[in-house]
C-alpha atoms as a PDB file:
ATOM      1  CA  MET A   1      -0.444  42.933  69.989  1.00  0.00           C
ATOM      2  CA  ALA A   2       0.199  43.166  66.101  1.00  0.00           C
ATOM      3  CA  THR A   3       1.828  45.870  64.429  1.00  0.00           C
ATOM      4  CA  TYR A   4       0.537  47.340  61.371  1.00  0.00           C
ATOM      5  CA  TYR A   5       2.126  50.098  58.858  1.00  0.00           C
ATOM      6  CA  THR A   6       0.593  52.002  56.769  1.00  0.00           C
ATOM      7  CA  PRO A   7       1.316  52.894  52.676  1.00  0.00           C
ATOM      8  CA  GLU A   8       2.829  56.458  53.403  1.00  0.00           C
ATOM      9  CA  GLU A   9       5.094  54.538  55.860  1.00  0.00           C
ATOM     10  CA  LEU A  10       6.294  51.779  53.285  1.00  0.00           C
ATOM     11  CA  ALA A  11       6.608  54.190  50.277  1.00  0.00           C
ATOM     12  CA  ARG A  12       9.119  56.457  52.201  1.00  0.00           C
ATOM     13  CA  VAL A  13      11.295  53.391  52.827  1.00  0.00           C
ATOM     14  CA  LEU A  14      10.593  52.090  49.455  1.00  0.00           C
ATOM     15  CA  ARG A  15      11.377  55.114  47.881  1.00  0.00           C
ATOM     16  CA  VAL A  16       8.102  55.543  45.778  1.00  0.00           C
ATOM     17  CA  SER A  17       4.983  56.876  46.437  1.00  0.00           C
ATOM     18  CA  ALA A  18       2.103  56.013  48.659  1.00  0.00           C
ATOM     19  CA  GLU A  19      -0.248  55.477  45.818  1.00  0.00           C
ATOM     20  CA  ALA A  20       2.522  52.514  44.208  1.00  0.00           C
ATOM     21  CA  VAL A  21       1.982  50.836  47.298  1.00  0.00           C
ATOM     22  CA  ARG A  22      -1.857  50.804  47.286  1.00  0.00           C
ATOM     23  CA  ALA A  23      -1.834  49.637  43.593  1.00  0.00           C
ATOM     24  CA  ARG A  24       0.440  46.982  44.827  1.00  0.00           C
ATOM     25  CA  LEU A  25      -1.925  46.054  47.631  1.00  0.00           C
ATOM     26  CA  ARG A  26      -4.915  46.143  45.266  1.00  0.00           C
ATOM     27  CA  ARG A  27      -3.204  43.726  43.003  1.00  0.00           C
ATOM     28  CA  GLY A  28      -2.117  41.587  46.136  1.00  0.00           C
ATOM     29  CA  GLU A  29       1.282  41.877  45.241  1.00  0.00           C
ATOM     30  CA  ILE A  30       1.776  43.759  48.787  1.00  0.00           C
ATOM     31  CA  ARG A  31      -0.281  41.580  51.433  1.00  0.00           C
ATOM     32  CA  GLY A  32      -2.113  44.282  53.649  1.00  0.00           C
ATOM     33  CA  LEU A  33      -5.635  44.273  55.388  1.00  0.00           C
ATOM     34  CA  ARG A  34      -8.159  46.903  53.820  1.00  0.00           C
ATOM     35  CA  LEU A  35     -10.413  48.393  56.560  1.00  0.00           C
ATOM     36  CA  GLY A  36     -13.075  50.697  54.318  1.00  0.00           C
ATOM     37  CA  ARG A  37     -10.815  53.396  52.495  1.00  0.00           C
ATOM     38  CA  ILE A  38      -7.487  52.621  54.585  1.00  0.00           C
ATOM     39  CA  TRP A  39      -5.020  49.840  53.626  1.00  0.00           C
ATOM     40  CA  ARG A  40      -2.732  48.531  56.575  1.00  0.00           C
ATOM     41  CA  VAL A  41       0.441  46.186  55.706  1.00  0.00           C
ATOM     42  CA  PRO A  42       1.459  43.625  58.566  1.00  0.00           C
ATOM     43  CA  ARG A  43       5.004  43.608  60.217  1.00  0.00           C
ATOM     44  CA  GLU A  44       5.325  40.642  58.390  1.00  0.00           C
ATOM     45  CA  GLU A  45       4.935  41.321  55.417  1.00  0.00           C
ATOM     46  CA  ALA A  46       6.453  44.961  55.787  1.00  0.00           C
ATOM     47  CA  GLU A  47       9.831  42.515  56.562  1.00  0.00           C
ATOM     48  CA  ARG A  48       9.690  40.434  53.354  1.00  0.00           C
ATOM     49  CA  LEU A  49       9.269  43.886  51.486  1.00  0.00           C
ATOM     50  CA  LEU A  50      12.216  45.773  53.434  1.00  0.00           C
ATOM     51  CA  GLY A  51      14.334  43.069  55.189  1.00  0.00           C
ATOM     52  CA  PRO A  52      15.136  43.033  58.884  1.00  0.00           C
ATOM     53  CA  GLU A  53      17.331  46.061  58.131  1.00  0.00           C
ATOM     54  CA  GLY A  54      15.351  47.930  56.435  1.00  0.00           C
ATOM     55  CA  LEU A  55      12.687  47.251  59.242  1.00  0.00           C
ATOM     56  CA  GLU A  56      14.423  48.053  61.305  1.00  0.00           C
ATOM     57  CA  ALA A  57      15.186  51.347  59.819  1.00  0.00           C
ATOM     58  CA  LEU A  58      11.633  52.177  59.540  1.00  0.00           C
ATOM     59  CA  ASP A  59      10.851  51.398  63.374  1.00  0.00           C
ATOM     60  CA  ARG A  60      13.926  53.681  64.361  1.00  0.00           C
ATOM     61  CA  GLU A  61      12.333  56.579  61.991  1.00  0.00           C
ATOM     62  CA  LEU A  62       9.078  55.801  63.503  1.00  0.00           C
ATOM     63  CA  GLU A  63      10.078  56.013  67.168  1.00  0.00           C
ATOM     64  CA  ARG A  64      12.053  59.031  66.553  1.00  0.00           C
ATOM     65  CA  GLU A  65       8.866  60.731  64.993  1.00  0.00           C
ATOM     66  CA  GLY A  66       6.569  59.499  67.982  1.00  0.00           C
ATOM     67  CA  ARG A  67       4.376  57.247  66.047  1.00  0.00           C
ATOM     68  CA  ALA A  68       5.864  53.440  67.940  1.00  0.00           C
END
């Protein structure tokens, strides 16, 4: 099963607002899926943005929070 991240999750690691991530999604600067009003970013795109180390850090943080 594919893994997807929310704009809020990426925003924490990128240290920007979730709205900034959503704006980049709307402009096509970040590849994502829009399901109605909800955006999701595929794991491959998150890795492109964060790099392998950043993605691992995000996964660890989400696991600690019980999301992963």
